[in-house]
Each structure stands twice: as C-alpha cells, then as structure tokens.
Amino acid sequence: MKKAVACLGMVSVFVFGCQTKPSQPPEAEIKKGYLVYKNNCSVCHWETVKPEQIKDIRKKVMRGKRPPFGAPPMSEVSARVKKFYPTEEKFVAFVKDYITNPSREKGVCLPMAYKIFGVMPPVGKNMSEEAKEAVAKWLYYRFNMSWEEFMEKHPH
C-alpha cells in the first residue's frame, strides 16, 4: 500500500508539475525584440495608448479624421492576438507569419481597424527569422492583458 501511495505521489508531481507556466525568455531576447519593434513597427504602431487617449481618438475618428498613428497600438494588438492564439508557441508563429504575409483573411483585427488602417504592409519580408521571433516574443511578454481586460480598460 505504501508503495502504491508513493508511486501515486510521484505521478502527481510529474503530471501536475509539468503544467507550470512557461518561463519568460532571457532579458536579452526581450530587449532585442523591443529594438526590432522600435526600428520596424513603431513608425505605425504606438506601444500603448492610455484609456483617456482612446476617448479623444475615437471622437476624432467618428468625425472622419484619422487617428494619430498608422495602426492599432501594440498593447491592443497583443491582447487581440492572444484571444485567438493564447499560447506563446501559437502566438509567435502567427505573428511571424502575419508580419511576413499579412492579409485580411488571416488577420484577427476588428472590422473597424481594417476600415481605418487597412492591411499592414509585409514588413517581415525584410526581417531575419531571428528578428521576427524576437519581436513576436517581445509582443507576447510585454503586455499581459486579455482581450476582455483590454476592452474593459480601453473601451472603443
């Protein structure tokens, strides 16, 4: 009986111990991803937008004007992509593919985002696989809000 309980305990540790949250990539990789963002993405995507800014931007858009940036903020992009691709592996694969071969069909943006901004250019075509991986991981780890939390704090 003692052997069975001990064995069950070891199985529990093995099975449940393996379900821990994945660790964050090394800080150097996150810094590299941020530099890739600054050099390739920040021209159109602000890093984040404060809730009070969203209200002003929304009013501007409702009057037919363009927002002060060329694409949704990265905080919003991250939350939206995580809604459809919640694991790091799937998120990173999606981002790497999308920035290389963007299309409305495979995109996850809200219809209004496409109406305002259109589909992004294929900026990833000129990036190394290492750079695409780094920026995708930076985007995954930099922002931790779910889509529902993001929309609650930043209603559109």
C-alpha atoms as a PDB file:
ATOM      1  CA  MET A   1       0.000   0.000   0.000  1.00  0.00           C
ATOM      2  CA  LYS A   2       2.814   2.407   0.909  1.00  0.00           C
ATOM      3  CA  LYS A   3       4.478   1.717  -2.463  1.00  0.00           C
ATOM      4  CA  ALA A   4       1.224   2.470  -4.300  1.00  0.00           C
ATOM      5  CA  VAL A   5       0.740   5.775  -2.429  1.00  0.00           C
ATOM      6  CA  ALA A   6       4.358   6.787  -3.023  1.00  0.00           C
ATOM      7  CA  CYS A   7       4.067   5.885  -6.685  1.00  0.00           C
ATOM      8  CA  LEU A   8       0.816   7.856  -6.992  1.00  0.00           C
ATOM      9  CA  GLY A   9       2.504  10.827  -5.325  1.00  0.00           C
ATOM     10  CA  MET A  10       5.401  10.704  -7.809  1.00  0.00           C
ATOM     11  CA  VAL A  11       2.954  10.508 -10.728  1.00  0.00           C
ATOM     12  CA  SER A  12       1.045  13.513  -9.356  1.00  0.00           C
ATOM     13  CA  VAL A  13       4.249  15.545  -9.044  1.00  0.00           C
ATOM     14  CA  PHE A  14       5.295  14.608 -12.559  1.00  0.00           C
ATOM     15  CA  VAL A  15       1.903  15.251 -14.183  1.00  0.00           C
ATOM     16  CA  PHE A  16       0.953  18.402 -12.312  1.00  0.00           C
ATOM     17  CA  GLY A  17       4.498  19.720 -12.041  1.00  0.00           C
ATOM     18  CA  CYS A  18       4.720  19.833 -15.826  1.00  0.00           C
ATOM     19  CA  GLN A  19       1.769  22.177 -16.077  1.00  0.00           C
ATOM     20  CA  THR A  20       3.579  25.231 -14.802  1.00  0.00           C
ATOM     21  CA  LYS A  21       3.508  28.479 -16.738  1.00  0.00           C
ATOM     22  CA  PRO A  22       6.316  28.730 -19.299  1.00  0.00           C
ATOM     23  CA  SER A  23       9.231  30.853 -18.210  1.00  0.00           C
ATOM     24  CA  GLN A  24       9.923  34.179 -19.817  1.00  0.00           C
ATOM     25  CA  PRO A  25      12.665  34.277 -22.464  1.00  0.00           C
ATOM     26  CA  PRO A  26      16.015  35.782 -21.499  1.00  0.00           C
ATOM     27  CA  GLU A  27      16.003  39.536 -20.942  1.00  0.00           C
ATOM     28  CA  ALA A  28      18.451  39.999 -23.821  1.00  0.00           C
ATOM     29  CA  GLU A  29      15.940  38.434 -26.227  1.00  0.00           C
ATOM     30  CA  ILE A  30      13.164  40.737 -24.975  1.00  0.00           C
ATOM     31  CA  LYS A  31      15.461  43.761 -25.407  1.00  0.00           C
ATOM     32  CA  LYS A  32      16.265  42.640 -28.936  1.00  0.00           C
ATOM     33  CA  GLY A  33      12.540  42.314 -29.648  1.00  0.00           C
ATOM     34  CA  TYR A  34      11.963  45.835 -28.359  1.00  0.00           C
ATOM     35  CA  LEU A  35      14.706  47.170 -30.660  1.00  0.00           C
ATOM     36  CA  VAL A  36      13.115  45.362 -33.603  1.00  0.00           C
ATOM     37  CA  TYR A  37       9.795  46.975 -32.638  1.00  0.00           C
ATOM     38  CA  LYS A  38      11.400  50.446 -32.400  1.00  0.00           C
ATOM     39  CA  ASN A  39      13.172  50.052 -35.761  1.00  0.00           C
ATOM     40  CA  ASN A  40      10.406  48.377 -37.757  1.00  0.00           C
ATOM     41  CA  CYS A  41       6.996  48.719 -36.116  1.00  0.00           C
ATOM     42  CA  SER A  42       6.887  51.941 -34.101  1.00  0.00           C
ATOM     43  CA  VAL A  43       6.509  54.065 -37.229  1.00  0.00           C
ATOM     44  CA  CYS A  44       2.873  52.904 -37.382  1.00  0.00           C
ATOM     45  CA  HIS A  45       2.173  51.180 -34.042  1.00  0.00           C
ATOM     46  CA  TRP A  46       2.428  53.139 -30.810  1.00  0.00           C
ATOM     47  CA  GLU A  47       3.486  50.890 -27.964  1.00  0.00           C
ATOM     48  CA  THR A  48       0.377  51.631 -25.911  1.00  0.00           C
ATOM     49  CA  VAL A  49      -2.429  54.164 -25.591  1.00  0.00           C
ATOM     50  CA  LYS A  50      -3.910  55.440 -22.338  1.00  0.00           C
ATOM     51  CA  PRO A  51      -7.667  54.987 -21.827  1.00  0.00           C
ATOM     52  CA  GLU A  52      -8.257  58.748 -21.886  1.00  0.00           C
ATOM     53  CA  GLN A  53      -6.416  58.973 -25.224  1.00  0.00           C
ATOM     54  CA  ILE A  54      -8.731  56.323 -26.696  1.00  0.00           C
ATOM     55  CA  LYS A  55     -11.764  58.524 -25.980  1.00  0.00           C
ATOM     56  CA  ASP A  56     -10.214  61.512 -27.788  1.00  0.00           C
ATOM     57  CA  ILE A  57      -9.036  59.364 -30.693  1.00  0.00           C
ATOM     58  CA  ARG A  58     -12.474  57.768 -31.000  1.00  0.00           C
ATOM     59  CA  LYS A  59     -14.111  61.212 -31.210  1.00  0.00           C
ATOM     60  CA  LYS A  60     -11.652  62.210 -33.927  1.00  0.00           C
ATOM     61  CA  VAL A  61     -12.366  59.033 -35.930  1.00  0.00           C
ATOM     62  CA  MET A  62     -16.122  59.498 -35.531  1.00  0.00           C
ATOM     63  CA  ARG A  63     -15.697  62.946 -37.138  1.00  0.00           C
ATOM     64  CA  GLY A  64     -13.999  61.263 -40.112  1.00  0.00           C
ATOM     65  CA  LYS A  65     -10.423  62.107 -39.140  1.00  0.00           C
ATOM     66  CA  ARG A  66      -7.509  59.701 -38.918  1.00  0.00           C
ATOM     67  CA  PRO A  67      -6.000  58.632 -35.596  1.00  0.00           C
ATOM     68  CA  PRO A  68      -2.536  59.980 -34.701  1.00  0.00           C
ATOM     69  CA  PHE A  69      -0.929  56.600 -35.513  1.00  0.00           C
ATOM     70  CA  GLY A  70      -0.978  54.385 -38.590  1.00  0.00           C
ATOM     71  CA  ALA A  71      -2.011  51.102 -36.965  1.00  0.00           C
ATOM     72  CA  PRO A  72      -3.500  49.845 -33.686  1.00  0.00           C
ATOM     73  CA  PRO A  73      -1.256  50.205 -30.611  1.00  0.00           C
ATOM     74  CA  MET A  74       0.848  47.158 -29.773  1.00  0.00           C
ATOM     75  CA  SER A  75      -0.907  46.701 -26.424  1.00  0.00           C
ATOM     76  CA  GLU A  76      -4.162  46.218 -28.337  1.00  0.00           C
ATOM     77  CA  VAL A  77      -2.539  44.020 -30.984  1.00  0.00           C
ATOM     78  CA  SER A  78      -1.076  41.751 -28.295  1.00  0.00           C
ATOM     79  CA  ALA A  79      -4.386  41.365 -26.455  1.00  0.00           C
ATOM     80  CA  ARG A  80      -6.295  40.725 -29.677  1.00  0.00           C
ATOM     81  CA  VAL A  81      -3.856  38.127 -30.996  1.00  0.00           C
ATOM     82  CA  LYS A  82      -3.811  36.338 -27.613  1.00  0.00           C
ATOM     83  CA  LYS A  83      -7.605  35.990 -27.865  1.00  0.00           C
ATOM     84  CA  PHE A  84      -7.095  33.696 -30.872  1.00  0.00           C
ATOM     85  CA  TYR A  85      -3.572  32.381 -30.194  1.00  0.00           C
ATOM     86  CA  PRO A  86      -3.164  32.205 -26.395  1.00  0.00           C
ATOM     87  CA  THR A  87      -0.036  30.045 -26.144  1.00  0.00           C
ATOM     88  CA  GLU A  88       3.403  31.512 -26.746  1.00  0.00           C
ATOM     89  CA  GLU A  89       4.135  28.987 -29.489  1.00  0.00           C
ATOM     90  CA  LYS A  90       0.963  29.703 -31.487  1.00  0.00           C
ATOM     91  CA  PHE A  91       1.160  33.466 -30.852  1.00  0.00           C
ATOM     92  CA  VAL A  92       4.765  33.679 -32.084  1.00  0.00           C
ATOM     93  CA  ALA A  93       4.040  31.514 -35.147  1.00  0.00           C
ATOM     94  CA  PHE A  94       1.034  33.692 -36.054  1.00  0.00           C
ATOM     95  CA  VAL A  95       2.915  36.987 -35.633  1.00  0.00           C
ATOM     96  CA  LYS A  96       5.924  35.799 -37.653  1.00  0.00           C
ATOM     97  CA  ASP A  97       3.670  34.636 -40.479  1.00  0.00           C
ATOM     98  CA  TYR A  98       1.352  37.650 -40.373  1.00  0.00           C
ATOM     99  CA  ILE A  99       4.068  40.311 -40.484  1.00  0.00           C
ATOM    100  CA  THR A 100       5.614  38.492 -43.453  1.00  0.00           C
ATOM    101  CA  ASN A 101       2.406  37.724 -45.371  1.00  0.00           C
ATOM    102  CA  PRO A 102      -0.392  39.895 -43.949  1.00  0.00           C
ATOM    103  CA  SER A 103      -3.942  39.550 -45.220  1.00  0.00           C
ATOM    104  CA  ARG A 104      -7.390  40.465 -44.031  1.00  0.00           C
ATOM    105  CA  GLU A 105      -8.463  36.815 -44.331  1.00  0.00           C
ATOM    106  CA  LYS A 106      -5.994  35.546 -41.748  1.00  0.00           C
ATOM    107  CA  GLY A 107      -5.927  38.690 -39.622  1.00  0.00           C
ATOM    108  CA  VAL A 108      -7.674  38.951 -36.262  1.00  0.00           C
ATOM    109  CA  CYS A 109      -8.349  42.697 -36.155  1.00  0.00           C
ATOM    110  CA  LEU A 110     -11.798  44.103 -35.599  1.00  0.00           C
ATOM    111  CA  PRO A 111     -13.534  45.178 -38.836  1.00  0.00           C
ATOM    112  CA  MET A 112     -13.225  48.860 -37.825  1.00  0.00           C
ATOM    113  CA  ALA A 113      -9.423  48.520 -37.655  1.00  0.00           C
ATOM    114  CA  TYR A 114      -9.335  47.364 -41.278  1.00  0.00           C
ATOM    115  CA  LYS A 115     -11.671  50.190 -42.254  1.00  0.00           C
ATOM    116  CA  ILE A 116      -9.433  52.791 -40.589  1.00  0.00           C
ATOM    117  CA  PHE A 117      -5.975  51.344 -41.243  1.00  0.00           C
ATOM    118  CA  GLY A 118      -6.301  48.726 -43.990  1.00  0.00           C
ATOM    119  CA  VAL A 119      -3.968  45.703 -44.027  1.00  0.00           C
ATOM    120  CA  MET A 120      -0.401  46.294 -42.922  1.00  0.00           C
ATOM    121  CA  PRO A 121       2.477  46.051 -45.406  1.00  0.00           C
ATOM    122  CA  PRO A 122       4.654  42.891 -45.312  1.00  0.00           C
ATOM    123  CA  VAL A 123       7.393  44.395 -43.124  1.00  0.00           C
ATOM    124  CA  GLY A 124       8.547  40.930 -42.074  1.00  0.00           C
ATOM    125  CA  LYS A 125       9.780  40.126 -45.595  1.00  0.00           C
ATOM    126  CA  ASN A 126      12.829  42.302 -44.897  1.00  0.00           C
ATOM    127  CA  MET A 127      13.471  40.875 -41.426  1.00  0.00           C
ATOM    128  CA  SER A 128      15.542  37.882 -40.381  1.00  0.00           C
ATOM    129  CA  GLU A 129      13.813  34.916 -38.759  1.00  0.00           C
ATOM    130  CA  GLU A 130      15.664  35.813 -35.558  1.00  0.00           C
ATOM    131  CA  ALA A 131      14.290  39.378 -35.639  1.00  0.00           C
ATOM    132  CA  LYS A 132      10.729  38.174 -36.308  1.00  0.00           C
ATOM    133  CA  GLU A 133      10.995  35.682 -33.444  1.00  0.00           C
ATOM    134  CA  ALA A 134      12.345  38.359 -31.089  1.00  0.00           C
ATOM    135  CA  VAL A 135       9.656  40.941 -31.857  1.00  0.00           C
ATOM    136  CA  ALA A 136       6.909  38.310 -31.590  1.00  0.00           C
ATOM    137  CA  LYS A 137       8.167  37.192 -28.174  1.00  0.00           C
ATOM    138  CA  TRP A 138       8.547  40.804 -27.030  1.00  0.00           C
ATOM    139  CA  LEU A 139       4.927  41.433 -28.080  1.00  0.00           C
ATOM    140  CA  TYR A 140       3.757  38.304 -26.254  1.00  0.00           C
ATOM    141  CA  TYR A 141       5.571  39.029 -22.984  1.00  0.00           C
ATOM    142  CA  ARG A 142       5.440  42.849 -22.957  1.00  0.00           C
ATOM    143  CA  PHE A 143       1.669  43.017 -22.498  1.00  0.00           C
ATOM    144  CA  ASN A 144      -0.280  40.733 -20.196  1.00  0.00           C
ATOM    145  CA  MET A 145      -3.920  41.787 -20.560  1.00  0.00           C
ATOM    146  CA  SER A 146      -6.524  39.514 -22.062  1.00  0.00           C
ATOM    147  CA  TRP A 147      -8.722  40.948 -24.812  1.00  0.00           C
ATOM    148  CA  GLU A 148     -11.616  41.244 -22.367  1.00  0.00           C
ATOM    149  CA  GLU A 149      -9.471  43.107 -19.809  1.00  0.00           C
ATOM    150  CA  PHE A 150      -8.088  45.380 -22.519  1.00  0.00           C
ATOM    151  CA  MET A 151     -11.562  46.293 -23.777  1.00  0.00           C
ATOM    152  CA  GLU A 152     -12.815  46.887 -20.241  1.00  0.00           C
ATOM    153  CA  LYS A 153      -9.988  49.369 -19.602  1.00  0.00           C
ATOM    154  CA  HIS A 154      -9.910  50.811 -23.146  1.00  0.00           C
ATOM    155  CA  PRO A 155     -13.492  50.774 -24.477  1.00  0.00           C
ATOM    156  CA  HIS A 156     -13.760  51.792 -28.114  1.00  0.00           C
END
